[in-house]
């Protein structure tokens, strides 16, 4: 909301931020999947 108000939040910057968030989330999930594979061993 702040980015939109001051005119700094463009669709391109929003899309870039969204992609970064997806990459971070996917990275964490892959780490947790690996953890669940290692724990039984």
ModelCIF file with pLDDT and N, C-alpha, C, O atoms, coordinates in Angstrom:
data_MODEL
#
_entry.id   MODEL 
#
_entity.id                         1 
_entity.type                       polymer 
_entity.pdbx_number_of_molecules   1 
#
_entity_poly.entity_id                      1 
_entity_poly.type                           'polypeptide(L)' 
_entity_poly.nstd_linkage                   no 
_entity_poly.nstd_monomer                   no 
_entity_poly.pdbx_seq_one_letter_code       
;(UNK)(UNK)(UNK)(UNK)(UNK)(UNK)(UNK)(UNK)(UNK)(UNK)(UNK)(UNK)(UNK)(UNK)(UNK)(UNK)
(UNK)(UNK)(UNK)(UNK)(UNK)(UNK)(UNK)(UNK)(UNK)(UNK)(UNK)(UNK)(UNK)(UNK)(UNK)(UNK)
(UNK)(UNK)(UNK)(UNK)(UNK)(UNK)(UNK)(UNK)(UNK)
;
_entity_poly.pdbx_seq_one_letter_code_can   XXXXXXXXXXXXXXXXXXXXXXXXXXXXXXXXXXXXXXXXX 
_entity_poly.pdbx_strand_id                 A 
#
loop_
_entity_poly_seq.entity_id 
_entity_poly_seq.num 
_entity_poly_seq.mon_id 
_entity_poly_seq.hetero 
1 1  UNK n 
1 2  UNK n 
1 3  UNK n 
1 4  UNK n 
1 5  UNK n 
1 6  UNK n 
1 7  UNK n 
1 8  UNK n 
1 9  UNK n 
1 10 UNK n 
1 11 UNK n 
1 12 UNK n 
1 13 UNK n 
1 14 UNK n 
1 15 UNK n 
1 16 UNK n 
1 17 UNK n 
1 18 UNK n 
1 19 UNK n 
1 20 UNK n 
1 21 UNK n 
1 22 UNK n 
1 23 UNK n 
1 24 UNK n 
1 25 UNK n 
1 26 UNK n 
1 27 UNK n 
1 28 UNK n 
1 29 UNK n 
1 30 UNK n 
1 31 UNK n 
1 32 UNK n 
1 33 UNK n 
1 34 UNK n 
1 35 UNK n 
1 36 UNK n 
1 37 UNK n 
1 38 UNK n 
1 39 UNK n 
1 40 UNK n 
1 41 UNK n 
#
_struct_asym.id          A 
_struct_asym.entity_id   1 
#
loop_
_ma_qa_metric.id 
_ma_qa_metric.mode 
_ma_qa_metric.name 
_ma_qa_metric.software_group_id 
_ma_qa_metric.type 
1 global pLDDT . pLDDT 
2 local  pLDDT . pLDDT 
#
_ma_qa_metric_global.metric_id      1 
_ma_qa_metric_global.metric_value   81.22 
_ma_qa_metric_global.model_id       1 
_ma_qa_metric_global.ordinal_id     1 
#
loop_
_ma_qa_metric_local.label_asym_id 
_ma_qa_metric_local.label_comp_id 
_ma_qa_metric_local.label_seq_id 
_ma_qa_metric_local.metric_id 
_ma_qa_metric_local.metric_value 
_ma_qa_metric_local.model_id 
_ma_qa_metric_local.ordinal_id 
A UNK 1  2 91.00 1 1  
A UNK 2  2 90.00 1 2  
A UNK 3  2 89.00 1 3  
A UNK 4  2 90.00 1 4  
A UNK 5  2 90.00 1 5  
A UNK 6  2 87.00 1 6  
A UNK 7  2 87.00 1 7  
A UNK 8  2 85.00 1 8  
A UNK 9  2 87.00 1 9  
A UNK 10 2 88.00 1 10 
A UNK 11 2 90.00 1 11 
A UNK 12 2 90.00 1 12 
A UNK 13 2 88.00 1 13 
A UNK 14 2 90.00 1 14 
A UNK 15 2 92.00 1 15 
A UNK 16 2 88.00 1 16 
A UNK 17 2 85.00 1 17 
A UNK 18 2 89.00 1 18 
A UNK 19 2 89.00 1 19 
A UNK 20 2 81.00 1 20 
A UNK 21 2 82.00 1 21 
A UNK 22 2 87.00 1 22 
A UNK 23 2 82.00 1 23 
A UNK 24 2 74.00 1 24 
A UNK 25 2 78.00 1 25 
A UNK 26 2 83.00 1 26 
A UNK 27 2 75.00 1 27 
A UNK 28 2 71.00 1 28 
A UNK 29 2 78.00 1 29 
A UNK 30 2 78.00 1 30 
A UNK 31 2 68.00 1 31 
A UNK 32 2 70.00 1 32 
A UNK 33 2 78.00 1 33 
A UNK 34 2 72.00 1 34 
A UNK 35 2 65.00 1 35 
A UNK 36 2 69.00 1 36 
A UNK 37 2 75.00 1 37 
A UNK 38 2 70.00 1 38 
A UNK 39 2 64.00 1 39 
A UNK 40 2 73.00 1 40 
A UNK 41 2 72.00 1 41 
#
loop_
_atom_site.group_PDB 
_atom_site.id 
_atom_site.type_symbol 
_atom_site.label_atom_id 
_atom_site.label_alt_id 
_atom_site.label_comp_id 
_atom_site.label_asym_id 
_atom_site.label_entity_id 
_atom_site.label_seq_id 
_atom_site.pdbx_PDB_ins_code 
_atom_site.Cartn_x 
_atom_site.Cartn_y 
_atom_site.Cartn_z 
_atom_site.occupancy 
_atom_site.B_iso_or_equiv 
_atom_site.pdbx_formal_charge 
_atom_site.auth_seq_id 
_atom_site.auth_comp_id 
_atom_site.auth_asym_id 
_atom_site.auth_atom_id 
_atom_site.pdbx_PDB_model_num 
ATOM 1   N N  . UNK A 1 1  ? 0.832  -1.206  0.000   1.00 91.00 ? 1  UNK A N  1 
ATOM 2   C CA . UNK A 1 1  ? 0.000  0.000   0.000   1.00 91.00 ? 1  UNK A CA 1 
ATOM 3   C C  . UNK A 1 1  ? 0.865  1.254   0.000   1.00 91.00 ? 1  UNK A C  1 
ATOM 4   O O  . UNK A 1 1  ? 0.589  2.204   -0.733  1.00 91.00 ? 1  UNK A O  1 
ATOM 5   N N  . UNK A 1 2  ? 1.919  1.254   0.830   1.00 90.00 ? 2  UNK A N  1 
ATOM 6   C CA . UNK A 1 2  ? 2.820  2.408   0.878   1.00 90.00 ? 2  UNK A CA 1 
ATOM 7   C C  . UNK A 1 2  ? 3.510  2.621   -0.459  1.00 90.00 ? 2  UNK A C  1 
ATOM 8   O O  . UNK A 1 2  ? 3.646  3.753   -0.923  1.00 90.00 ? 2  UNK A O  1 
ATOM 9   N N  . UNK A 1 3  ? 3.947  1.521   -1.081  1.00 89.00 ? 3  UNK A N  1 
ATOM 10  C CA . UNK A 1 3  ? 4.592  1.626   -2.389  1.00 89.00 ? 3  UNK A CA 1 
ATOM 11  C C  . UNK A 1 3  ? 3.675  2.202   -3.444  1.00 89.00 ? 3  UNK A C  1 
ATOM 12  O O  . UNK A 1 3  ? 4.111  2.980   -4.293  1.00 89.00 ? 3  UNK A O  1 
ATOM 13  N N  . UNK A 1 4  ? 2.403  1.825   -3.398  1.00 90.00 ? 4  UNK A N  1 
ATOM 14  C CA . UNK A 1 4  ? 1.434  2.362   -4.356  1.00 90.00 ? 4  UNK A CA 1 
ATOM 15  C C  . UNK A 1 4  ? 1.204  3.849   -4.117  1.00 90.00 ? 4  UNK A C  1 
ATOM 16  O O  . UNK A 1 4  ? 1.131  4.632   -5.064  1.00 90.00 ? 4  UNK A O  1 
ATOM 17  N N  . UNK A 1 5  ? 1.089  4.235   -2.841  1.00 90.00 ? 5  UNK A N  1 
ATOM 18  C CA . UNK A 1 5  ? 0.810  5.635   -2.500  1.00 90.00 ? 5  UNK A CA 1 
ATOM 19  C C  . UNK A 1 5  ? 1.936  6.547   -2.972  1.00 90.00 ? 5  UNK A C  1 
ATOM 20  O O  . UNK A 1 5  ? 1.671  7.620   -3.514  1.00 90.00 ? 5  UNK A O  1 
ATOM 21  N N  . UNK A 1 6  ? 3.186  6.140   -2.774  1.00 87.00 ? 6  UNK A N  1 
ATOM 22  C CA . UNK A 1 6  ? 4.307  7.005   -3.150  1.00 87.00 ? 6  UNK A CA 1 
ATOM 23  C C  . UNK A 1 6  ? 4.726  6.793   -4.612  1.00 87.00 ? 6  UNK A C  1 
ATOM 24  O O  . UNK A 1 6  ? 5.650  7.446   -5.096  1.00 87.00 ? 6  UNK A O  1 
ATOM 25  N N  . UNK A 1 7  ? 4.045  5.883   -5.306  1.00 87.00 ? 7  UNK A N  1 
ATOM 26  C CA . UNK A 1 7  ? 4.318  5.683   -6.719  1.00 87.00 ? 7  UNK A CA 1 
ATOM 27  C C  . UNK A 1 7  ? 5.528  4.842   -7.035  1.00 87.00 ? 7  UNK A C  1 
ATOM 28  O O  . UNK A 1 7  ? 6.009  4.857   -8.168  1.00 87.00 ? 7  UNK A O  1 
ATOM 29  N N  . UNK A 1 8  ? 6.048  4.088   -6.037  1.00 85.00 ? 8  UNK A N  1 
ATOM 30  C CA . UNK A 1 8  ? 7.233  3.265   -6.272  1.00 85.00 ? 8  UNK A CA 1 
ATOM 31  C C  . UNK A 1 8  ? 6.878  1.805   -6.596  1.00 85.00 ? 8  UNK A C  1 
ATOM 32  O O  . UNK A 1 8  ? 7.718  1.062   -7.104  1.00 85.00 ? 8  UNK A O  1 
ATOM 33  N N  . UNK A 1 9  ? 5.645  1.398   -6.304  1.00 87.00 ? 9  UNK A N  1 
ATOM 34  C CA . UNK A 1 9  ? 5.255  0.014   -6.520  1.00 87.00 ? 9  UNK A CA 1 
ATOM 35  C C  . UNK A 1 9  ? 4.638  -0.151  -7.901  1.00 87.00 ? 9  UNK A C  1 
ATOM 36  O O  . UNK A 1 9  ? 3.446  0.088   -8.095  1.00 87.00 ? 9  UNK A O  1 
ATOM 37  N N  . UNK A 1 10 ? 5.456  -0.560  -8.851  1.00 88.00 ? 10 UNK A N  1 
ATOM 38  C CA . UNK A 1 10 ? 4.970  -0.837  -10.198 1.00 88.00 ? 10 UNK A CA 1 
ATOM 39  C C  . UNK A 1 10 ? 4.629  -2.322  -10.315 1.00 88.00 ? 10 UNK A C  1 
ATOM 40  O O  . UNK A 1 10 ? 4.966  -3.116  -9.436  1.00 88.00 ? 10 UNK A O  1 
ATOM 41  N N  . UNK A 1 11 ? 3.966  -2.685  -11.396 1.00 90.00 ? 11 UNK A N  1 
ATOM 42  C CA . UNK A 1 11 ? 3.649  -4.097  -11.594 1.00 90.00 ? 11 UNK A CA 1 
ATOM 43  C C  . UNK A 1 11 ? 4.932  -4.921  -11.722 1.00 90.00 ? 11 UNK A C  1 
ATOM 44  O O  . UNK A 1 11 ? 4.998  -6.049  -11.234 1.00 90.00 ? 11 UNK A O  1 
ATOM 45  N N  . UNK A 1 12 ? 5.950  -4.358  -12.378 1.00 90.00 ? 12 UNK A N  1 
ATOM 46  C CA . UNK A 1 12 ? 7.207  -5.082  -12.559 1.00 90.00 ? 12 UNK A CA 1 
ATOM 47  C C  . UNK A 1 12 ? 7.890  -5.352  -11.217 1.00 90.00 ? 12 UNK A C  1 
ATOM 48  O O  . UNK A 1 12 ? 8.379  -6.457  -10.981 1.00 90.00 ? 12 UNK A O  1 
ATOM 49  N N  . UNK A 1 13 ? 7.924  -4.345  -10.337 1.00 88.00 ? 13 UNK A N  1 
ATOM 50  C CA . UNK A 1 13 ? 8.563  -4.540  -9.031  1.00 88.00 ? 13 UNK A CA 1 
ATOM 51  C C  . UNK A 1 13 ? 7.746  -5.498  -8.161  1.00 88.00 ? 13 UNK A C  1 
ATOM 52  O O  . UNK A 1 13 ? 8.308  -6.303  -7.418  1.00 88.00 ? 13 UNK A O  1 
ATOM 53  N N  . UNK A 1 14 ? 6.408  -5.404  -8.262  1.00 90.00 ? 14 UNK A N  1 
ATOM 54  C CA . UNK A 1 14 ? 5.560  -6.332  -7.509  1.00 90.00 ? 14 UNK A CA 1 
ATOM 55  C C  . UNK A 1 14 ? 5.786  -7.775  -7.976  1.00 90.00 ? 14 UNK A C  1 
ATOM 56  O O  . UNK A 1 14 ? 5.865  -8.691  -7.158  1.00 90.00 ? 14 UNK A O  1 
ATOM 57  N N  . UNK A 1 15 ? 5.887  -7.967  -9.285  1.00 92.00 ? 15 UNK A N  1 
ATOM 58  C CA . UNK A 1 15 ? 6.099  -9.303  -9.834  1.00 92.00 ? 15 UNK A CA 1 
ATOM 59  C C  . UNK A 1 15 ? 7.460  -9.848  -9.410  1.00 92.00 ? 15 UNK A C  1 
ATOM 60  O O  . UNK A 1 15 ? 7.583  -11.029 -9.087  1.00 92.00 ? 15 UNK A O  1 
ATOM 61  N N  . UNK A 1 16 ? 8.484  -8.987  -9.410  1.00 88.00 ? 16 UNK A N  1 
ATOM 62  C CA . UNK A 1 16 ? 9.821  -9.420  -8.983  1.00 88.00 ? 16 UNK A CA 1 
ATOM 63  C C  . UNK A 1 16 ? 9.814  -9.838  -7.516  1.00 88.00 ? 16 UNK A C  1 
ATOM 64  O O  . UNK A 1 16 ? 10.417 -10.845 -7.147  1.00 88.00 ? 16 UNK A O  1 
ATOM 65  N N  . UNK A 1 17 ? 9.126  -9.056  -6.680  1.00 85.00 ? 17 UNK A N  1 
ATOM 66  C CA . UNK A 1 17 ? 9.032  -9.390  -5.256  1.00 85.00 ? 17 UNK A CA 1 
ATOM 67  C C  . UNK A 1 17 ? 8.280  -10.699 -5.058  1.00 85.00 ? 17 UNK A C  1 
ATOM 68  O O  . UNK A 1 17 ? 8.657  -11.514 -4.216  1.00 85.00 ? 17 UNK A O  1 
ATOM 69  N N  . UNK A 1 18 ? 7.221  -10.902 -5.829  1.00 89.00 ? 18 UNK A N  1 
ATOM 70  C CA . UNK A 1 18 ? 6.442  -12.133 -5.722  1.00 89.00 ? 18 UNK A CA 1 
ATOM 71  C C  . UNK A 1 18 ? 7.295  -13.345 -6.095  1.00 89.00 ? 18 UNK A C  1 
ATOM 72  O O  . UNK A 1 18 ? 7.233  -14.379 -5.430  1.00 89.00 ? 18 UNK A O  1 
ATOM 73  N N  . UNK A 1 19 ? 8.091  -13.216 -7.160  1.00 89.00 ? 19 UNK A N  1 
ATOM 74  C CA . UNK A 1 19 ? 8.957  -14.325 -7.569  1.00 89.00 ? 19 UNK A CA 1 
ATOM 75  C C  . UNK A 1 19 ? 10.006 -14.626 -6.496  1.00 89.00 ? 19 UNK A C  1 
ATOM 76  O O  . UNK A 1 19 ? 10.299 -15.789 -6.219  1.00 89.00 ? 19 UNK A O  1 
ATOM 77  N N  . UNK A 1 20 ? 10.573 -13.571 -5.892  1.00 81.00 ? 20 UNK A N  1 
ATOM 78  C CA . UNK A 1 20 ? 11.545 -13.782 -4.816  1.00 81.00 ? 20 UNK A CA 1 
ATOM 79  C C  . UNK A 1 20 ? 10.904 -14.518 -3.641  1.00 81.00 ? 20 UNK A C  1 
ATOM 80  O O  . UNK A 1 20 ? 11.516 -15.405 -3.045  1.00 81.00 ? 20 UNK A O  1 
ATOM 81  N N  . UNK A 1 21 ? 9.674  -14.147 -3.315  1.00 82.00 ? 21 UNK A N  1 
ATOM 82  C CA . UNK A 1 21 ? 8.962  -14.795 -2.209  1.00 82.00 ? 21 UNK A CA 1 
ATOM 83  C C  . UNK A 1 21 ? 8.714  -16.267 -2.509  1.00 82.00 ? 21 UNK A C  1 
ATOM 84  O O  . UNK A 1 21 ? 8.856  -17.118 -1.630  1.00 82.00 ? 21 UNK A O  1 
ATOM 85  N N  . UNK A 1 22 ? 8.342  -16.568 -3.762  1.00 87.00 ? 22 UNK A N  1 
ATOM 86  C CA . UNK A 1 22 ? 8.095  -17.955 -4.153  1.00 87.00 ? 22 UNK A CA 1 
ATOM 87  C C  . UNK A 1 22 ? 9.382  -18.778 -4.048  1.00 87.00 ? 22 UNK A C  1 
ATOM 88  O O  . UNK A 1 22 ? 9.366  -19.909 -3.563  1.00 87.00 ? 22 UNK A O  1 
ATOM 89  N N  . UNK A 1 23 ? 10.492 -18.200 -4.506  1.00 82.00 ? 23 UNK A N  1 
ATOM 90  C CA . UNK A 1 23 ? 11.775 -18.914 -4.442  1.00 82.00 ? 23 UNK A CA 1 
ATOM 91  C C  . UNK A 1 23 ? 12.150 -19.194 -2.992  1.00 82.00 ? 23 UNK A C  1 
ATOM 92  O O  . UNK A 1 23 ? 12.576 -20.301 -2.663  1.00 82.00 ? 23 UNK A O  1 
ATOM 93  N N  . UNK A 1 24 ? 11.992 -18.189 -2.119  1.00 74.00 ? 24 UNK A N  1 
ATOM 94  C CA . UNK A 1 24 ? 12.321 -18.371 -0.698  1.00 74.00 ? 24 UNK A CA 1 
ATOM 95  C C  . UNK A 1 24 ? 11.452 -19.455 -0.075  1.00 74.00 ? 24 UNK A C  1 
ATOM 96  O O  . UNK A 1 24 ? 11.950 -20.322 0.644   1.00 74.00 ? 24 UNK A O  1 
ATOM 97  N N  . UNK A 1 25 ? 10.145 -19.405 -0.354  1.00 78.00 ? 25 UNK A N  1 
ATOM 98  C CA . UNK A 1 25 ? 9.225  -20.388 0.207   1.00 78.00 ? 25 UNK A CA 1 
ATOM 99  C C  . UNK A 1 25 ? 9.553  -21.790 -0.290  1.00 78.00 ? 25 UNK A C  1 
ATOM 100 O O  . UNK A 1 25 ? 9.563  -22.743 0.489   1.00 78.00 ? 25 UNK A O  1 
ATOM 101 N N  . UNK A 1 26 ? 9.821  -21.916 -1.589  1.00 83.00 ? 26 UNK A N  1 
ATOM 102 C CA . UNK A 1 26 ? 10.158 -23.222 -2.152  1.00 83.00 ? 26 UNK A CA 1 
ATOM 103 C C  . UNK A 1 26 ? 11.447 -23.766 -1.551  1.00 83.00 ? 26 UNK A C  1 
ATOM 104 O O  . UNK A 1 26 ? 11.566 -24.964 -1.293  1.00 83.00 ? 26 UNK A O  1 
ATOM 105 N N  . UNK A 1 27 ? 12.410 -22.877 -1.331  1.00 75.00 ? 27 UNK A N  1 
ATOM 106 C CA . UNK A 1 27 ? 13.678 -23.298 -0.723  1.00 75.00 ? 27 UNK A CA 1 
ATOM 107 C C  . UNK A 1 27 ? 13.455 -23.865 0.671   1.00 75.00 ? 27 UNK A C  1 
ATOM 108 O O  . UNK A 1 27 ? 13.986 -24.921 1.015   1.00 75.00 ? 27 UNK A O  1 
ATOM 109 N N  . UNK A 1 28 ? 12.661 -23.151 1.472   1.00 71.00 ? 28 UNK A N  1 
ATOM 110 C CA . UNK A 1 28 ? 12.370 -23.614 2.836   1.00 71.00 ? 28 UNK A CA 1 
ATOM 111 C C  . UNK A 1 28 ? 11.650 -24.957 2.802   1.00 71.00 ? 28 UNK A C  1 
ATOM 112 O O  . UNK A 1 28 ? 11.974 -25.853 3.582   1.00 71.00 ? 28 UNK A O  1 
ATOM 113 N N  . UNK A 1 29 ? 10.669 -25.106 1.900   1.00 78.00 ? 29 UNK A N  1 
ATOM 114 C CA . UNK A 1 29 ? 9.908  -26.348 1.828   1.00 78.00 ? 29 UNK A CA 1 
ATOM 115 C C  . UNK A 1 29 ? 10.798 -27.521 1.420   1.00 78.00 ? 29 UNK A C  1 
ATOM 116 O O  . UNK A 1 29 ? 10.647 -28.623 1.945   1.00 78.00 ? 29 UNK A O  1 
ATOM 117 N N  . UNK A 1 30 ? 11.731 -27.291 0.481   1.00 78.00 ? 30 UNK A N  1 
ATOM 118 C CA . UNK A 1 30 ? 12.641 -28.359 0.085   1.00 78.00 ? 30 UNK A CA 1 
ATOM 119 C C  . UNK A 1 30 ? 13.544 -28.782 1.242   1.00 78.00 ? 30 UNK A C  1 
ATOM 120 O O  . UNK A 1 30 ? 13.848 -29.963 1.410   1.00 78.00 ? 30 UNK A O  1 
ATOM 121 N N  . UNK A 1 31 ? 13.972 -27.788 2.043   1.00 68.00 ? 31 UNK A N  1 
ATOM 122 C CA . UNK A 1 31 ? 14.791 -28.092 3.223   1.00 68.00 ? 31 UNK A CA 1 
ATOM 123 C C  . UNK A 1 31 ? 14.001 -28.961 4.198   1.00 68.00 ? 31 UNK A C  1 
ATOM 124 O O  . UNK A 1 31 ? 14.534 -29.923 4.750   1.00 68.00 ? 31 UNK A O  1 
ATOM 125 N N  . UNK A 1 32 ? 12.728 -28.620 4.408   1.00 70.00 ? 32 UNK A N  1 
ATOM 126 C CA . UNK A 1 32 ? 11.896 -29.374 5.345   1.00 70.00 ? 32 UNK A CA 1 
ATOM 127 C C  . UNK A 1 32 ? 11.599 -30.775 4.811   1.00 70.00 ? 32 UNK A C  1 
ATOM 128 O O  . UNK A 1 32 ? 11.540 -31.735 5.580   1.00 70.00 ? 32 UNK A O  1 
ATOM 129 N N  . UNK A 1 33 ? 11.411 -30.894 3.491   1.00 78.00 ? 33 UNK A N  1 
ATOM 130 C CA . UNK A 1 33 ? 11.211 -32.223 2.901   1.00 78.00 ? 33 UNK A CA 1 
ATOM 131 C C  . UNK A 1 33 ? 12.445 -33.091 3.145   1.00 78.00 ? 33 UNK A C  1 
ATOM 132 O O  . UNK A 1 33 ? 12.330 -34.263 3.505   1.00 78.00 ? 33 UNK A O  1 
ATOM 133 N N  . UNK A 1 34 ? 13.626 -32.501 2.945   1.00 72.00 ? 34 UNK A N  1 
ATOM 134 C CA . UNK A 1 34 ? 14.868 -33.238 3.198   1.00 72.00 ? 34 UNK A CA 1 
ATOM 135 C C  . UNK A 1 34 ? 14.968 -33.659 4.664   1.00 72.00 ? 34 UNK A C  1 
ATOM 136 O O  . UNK A 1 34 ? 15.424 -34.758 4.980   1.00 72.00 ? 34 UNK A O  1 
ATOM 137 N N  . UNK A 1 35 ? 14.532 -32.761 5.551   1.00 65.00 ? 35 UNK A N  1 
ATOM 138 C CA . UNK A 1 35 ? 14.585 -33.074 6.987   1.00 65.00 ? 35 UNK A CA 1 
ATOM 139 C C  . UNK A 1 35 ? 13.708 -34.281 7.314   1.00 65.00 ? 35 UNK A C  1 
ATOM 140 O O  . UNK A 1 35 ? 14.107 -35.156 8.083   1.00 65.00 ? 35 UNK A O  1 
ATOM 141 N N  . UNK A 1 36 ? 12.512 -34.321 6.725   1.00 69.00 ? 36 UNK A N  1 
ATOM 142 C CA . UNK A 1 36 ? 11.610 -35.447 6.989   1.00 69.00 ? 36 UNK A CA 1 
ATOM 143 C C  . UNK A 1 36 ? 12.133 -36.747 6.387   1.00 69.00 ? 36 UNK A C  1 
ATOM 144 O O  . UNK A 1 36 ? 11.745 -37.828 6.828   1.00 69.00 ? 36 UNK A O  1 
ATOM 145 N N  . UNK A 1 37 ? 12.997 -36.659 5.398   1.00 75.00 ? 37 UNK A N  1 
ATOM 146 C CA . UNK A 1 37 ? 13.617 -37.861 4.840   1.00 75.00 ? 37 UNK A CA 1 
ATOM 147 C C  . UNK A 1 37 ? 14.772 -38.350 5.716   1.00 75.00 ? 37 UNK A C  1 
ATOM 148 O O  . UNK A 1 37 ? 15.012 -39.551 5.843   1.00 75.00 ? 37 UNK A O  1 
ATOM 149 N N  . UNK A 1 38 ? 15.485 -37.385 6.320   1.00 70.00 ? 38 UNK A N  1 
ATOM 150 C CA . UNK A 1 38 ? 16.662 -37.735 7.123   1.00 70.00 ? 38 UNK A CA 1 
ATOM 151 C C  . UNK A 1 38 ? 16.265 -38.249 8.506   1.00 70.00 ? 38 UNK A C  1 
ATOM 152 O O  . UNK A 1 38 ? 16.892 -39.170 9.029   1.00 70.00 ? 38 UNK A O  1 
ATOM 153 N N  . UNK A 1 39 ? 15.220 -37.655 9.102   1.00 64.00 ? 39 UNK A N  1 
ATOM 154 C CA . UNK A 1 39 ? 14.854 -37.989 10.484  1.00 64.00 ? 39 UNK A CA 1 
ATOM 155 C C  . UNK A 1 39 ? 14.577 -39.481 10.701  1.00 64.00 ? 39 UNK A C  1 
ATOM 156 O O  . UNK A 1 39 ? 15.082 -40.043 11.673  1.00 64.00 ? 39 UNK A O  1 
ATOM 157 N N  . UNK A 1 40 ? 13.792 -40.151 9.833   1.00 73.00 ? 40 UNK A N  1 
ATOM 158 C CA . UNK A 1 40 ? 13.572 -41.588 10.062  1.00 73.00 ? 40 UNK A CA 1 
ATOM 159 C C  . UNK A 1 40 ? 14.871 -42.394 10.023  1.00 73.00 ? 40 UNK A C  1 
ATOM 160 O O  . UNK A 1 40 ? 15.044 -43.332 10.801  1.00 73.00 ? 40 UNK A O  1 
ATOM 161 N N  . UNK A 1 41 ? 15.784 -42.027 9.116   1.00 72.00 ? 41 UNK A N  1 
ATOM 162 C CA . UNK A 1 41 ? 17.068 -42.725 9.039   1.00 72.00 ? 41 UNK A CA 1 
ATOM 163 C C  . UNK A 1 41 ? 17.840 -42.570 10.343  1.00 72.00 ? 41 UNK A C  1 
ATOM 164 O O  . UNK A 1 41 ? 18.948 -43.090 10.469  1.00 72.00 ? 41 UNK A O  1 
#
